[in-house]
Amino acid sequence: LSEAVYHNNARLEAFHEFLREACVQASASNPTPFHYWVNALARDRRLVRLYTQNIDGLELRLPYLFTQTPLTTSGPWPNTIQLHGTL
């Protein structure tokens, strides 16, 4: 994201509209079969760790992929580590 967005009201409004729409779509989305498969791996203790850059938070809707933020400075670590923020 270019800092130029913050110096132009029209661009800033368009960016904010994009974020609002992304939030609406993410809220209306459901975990996919892949999410359920990874959740099953975690449930069966076959998942070492899930590192995610997804901002939709779909993995957090499943019980074995739940995480905590901020992370503690020492373990035990959650199954899911977010490498980003959320919408």
C-alpha atoms as a PDB file:
ATOM      1  CA  LEU A   1       0.000   0.000   0.000  1.00  0.00           C
ATOM      2  CA  SER A   2       1.486   3.279  -1.074  1.00  0.00           C
ATOM      3  CA  GLU A   3       1.514   6.178   1.337  1.00  0.00           C
ATOM      4  CA  ALA A   4       0.082   8.246  -1.524  1.00  0.00           C
ATOM      5  CA  VAL A   5      -3.313   6.769  -0.606  1.00  0.00           C
ATOM      6  CA  TYR A   6      -3.239   8.780   2.608  1.00  0.00           C
ATOM      7  CA  HIS A   7      -2.545  12.045   0.789  1.00  0.00           C
ATOM      8  CA  ASN A   8      -5.494  11.834  -1.592  1.00  0.00           C
ATOM      9  CA  ASN A   9      -9.040  11.849  -0.212  1.00  0.00           C
ATOM     10  CA  ALA A  10     -10.541  10.036  -3.203  1.00  0.00           C
ATOM     11  CA  ARG A  11      -7.968   7.242  -2.968  1.00  0.00           C
ATOM     12  CA  LEU A  12      -8.396   7.039   0.796  1.00  0.00           C
ATOM     13  CA  GLU A  13     -12.175   6.759   0.468  1.00  0.00           C
ATOM     14  CA  ALA A  14     -11.781   4.043  -2.175  1.00  0.00           C
ATOM     15  CA  PHE A  15      -9.362   2.151   0.076  1.00  0.00           C
ATOM     16  CA  HIS A  16     -11.726   2.389   3.048  1.00  0.00           C
ATOM     17  CA  GLU A  17     -14.608   1.167   0.888  1.00  0.00           C
ATOM     18  CA  PHE A  18     -12.470  -1.776  -0.219  1.00  0.00           C
ATOM     19  CA  LEU A  19     -11.743  -2.651   3.433  1.00  0.00           C
ATOM     20  CA  ARG A  20     -15.407  -2.342   4.418  1.00  0.00           C
ATOM     21  CA  GLU A  21     -16.450  -4.656   1.586  1.00  0.00           C
ATOM     22  CA  ALA A  22     -13.696  -7.132   2.478  1.00  0.00           C
ATOM     23  CA  CYS A  23     -14.986  -7.199   6.070  1.00  0.00           C
ATOM     24  CA  VAL A  24     -18.548  -7.829   4.917  1.00  0.00           C
ATOM     25  CA  GLN A  25     -17.476 -10.638   2.605  1.00  0.00           C
ATOM     26  CA  ALA A  26     -15.205 -12.230   5.222  1.00  0.00           C
ATOM     27  CA  SER A  27     -17.991 -12.129   7.807  1.00  0.00           C
ATOM     28  CA  ALA A  28     -20.369 -13.847   5.389  1.00  0.00           C
ATOM     29  CA  SER A  29     -17.843 -16.531   4.413  1.00  0.00           C
ATOM     30  CA  ASN A  30     -17.610 -20.016   5.851  1.00  0.00           C
ATOM     31  CA  PRO A  31     -14.642 -22.312   6.372  1.00  0.00           C
ATOM     32  CA  THR A  32     -13.862 -24.454   3.343  1.00  0.00           C
ATOM     33  CA  PRO A  33     -13.340 -28.220   3.243  1.00  0.00           C
ATOM     34  CA  PHE A  34      -9.610 -27.466   3.465  1.00  0.00           C
ATOM     35  CA  HIS A  35     -10.128 -25.571   6.735  1.00  0.00           C
ATOM     36  CA  TYR A  36     -12.040 -28.551   8.135  1.00  0.00           C
ATOM     37  CA  TRP A  37      -9.295 -30.922   6.988  1.00  0.00           C
ATOM     38  CA  VAL A  38      -6.593 -28.865   8.728  1.00  0.00           C
ATOM     39  CA  ASN A  39      -8.827 -28.663  11.813  1.00  0.00           C
ATOM     40  CA  ALA A  40      -9.087 -32.478  11.788  1.00  0.00           C
ATOM     41  CA  LEU A  41      -5.299 -32.729  11.567  1.00  0.00           C
ATOM     42  CA  ALA A  42      -5.041 -30.478  14.617  1.00  0.00           C
ATOM     43  CA  ARG A  43      -7.737 -32.460  16.449  1.00  0.00           C
ATOM     44  CA  ASP A  44      -5.841 -35.683  15.789  1.00  0.00           C
ATOM     45  CA  ARG A  45      -2.584 -34.024  16.910  1.00  0.00           C
ATOM     46  CA  ARG A  46      -1.022 -34.458  13.480  1.00  0.00           C
ATOM     47  CA  LEU A  47      -0.652 -30.723  12.853  1.00  0.00           C
ATOM     48  CA  VAL A  48       2.576 -29.267  14.183  1.00  0.00           C
ATOM     49  CA  ARG A  49       1.625 -25.652  13.507  1.00  0.00           C
ATOM     50  CA  LEU A  50      -0.456 -23.581  11.106  1.00  0.00           C
ATOM     51  CA  TYR A  51       1.134 -20.284  10.150  1.00  0.00           C
ATOM     52  CA  THR A  52      -1.387 -18.108   8.376  1.00  0.00           C
ATOM     53  CA  GLN A  53      -1.327 -14.822   6.520  1.00  0.00           C
ATOM     54  CA  ASN A  54      -5.059 -14.911   5.820  1.00  0.00           C
ATOM     55  CA  ILE A  55      -6.944 -11.909   7.149  1.00  0.00           C
ATOM     56  CA  ASP A  56     -10.421 -13.424   6.874  1.00  0.00           C
ATOM     57  CA  GLY A  57     -10.118 -15.317  10.171  1.00  0.00           C
ATOM     58  CA  LEU A  58     -11.921 -18.393   8.833  1.00  0.00           C
ATOM     59  CA  GLU A  59      -9.514 -20.761  10.556  1.00  0.00           C
ATOM     60  CA  LEU A  60     -10.356 -19.156  13.901  1.00  0.00           C
ATOM     61  CA  ARG A  61     -13.957 -20.336  13.605  1.00  0.00           C
ATOM     62  CA  LEU A  62     -12.822 -23.928  14.079  1.00  0.00           C
ATOM     63  CA  PRO A  63     -12.097 -25.213  17.578  1.00  0.00           C
ATOM     64  CA  TYR A  64      -8.709 -26.838  17.023  1.00  0.00           C
ATOM     65  CA  LEU A  65      -7.338 -23.915  15.016  1.00  0.00           C
ATOM     66  CA  PHE A  66      -8.183 -21.234  17.553  1.00  0.00           C
ATOM     67  CA  THR A  67      -5.305 -18.997  18.578  1.00  0.00           C
ATOM     68  CA  GLN A  68      -4.600 -16.322  21.111  1.00  0.00           C
ATOM     69  CA  THR A  69      -3.330 -12.825  20.509  1.00  0.00           C
ATOM     70  CA  PRO A  70      -0.984 -11.620  21.576  1.00  0.00           C
ATOM     71  CA  LEU A  71       1.013 -14.796  21.917  1.00  0.00           C
ATOM     72  CA  THR A  72       2.608 -15.528  25.246  1.00  0.00           C
ATOM     73  CA  THR A  73       6.377 -15.301  25.508  1.00  0.00           C
ATOM     74  CA  SER A  74       6.641 -18.993  26.361  1.00  0.00           C
ATOM     75  CA  GLY A  75       4.643 -22.074  25.384  1.00  0.00           C
ATOM     76  CA  PRO A  76       2.559 -24.003  25.117  1.00  0.00           C
ATOM     77  CA  TRP A  77       1.877 -22.448  21.740  1.00  0.00           C
ATOM     78  CA  PRO A  78      -1.491 -22.562  19.989  1.00  0.00           C
ATOM     79  CA  ASN A  79      -1.920 -24.592  16.806  1.00  0.00           C
ATOM     80  CA  THR A  80      -2.431 -21.451  14.715  1.00  0.00           C
ATOM     81  CA  ILE A  81      -0.004 -18.554  14.529  1.00  0.00           C
ATOM     82  CA  GLN A  82      -1.236 -15.448  12.732  1.00  0.00           C
ATOM     83  CA  LEU A  83       1.448 -13.547  10.845  1.00  0.00           C
ATOM     84  CA  HIS A  84      -0.822 -10.526  10.340  1.00  0.00           C
ATOM     85  CA  GLY A  85      -3.819  -8.724  11.726  1.00  0.00           C
ATOM     86  CA  THR A  86      -7.461  -9.401  10.999  1.00  0.00           C
ATOM     87  CA  LEU A  87     -10.151  -7.412   9.256  1.00  0.00           C
END
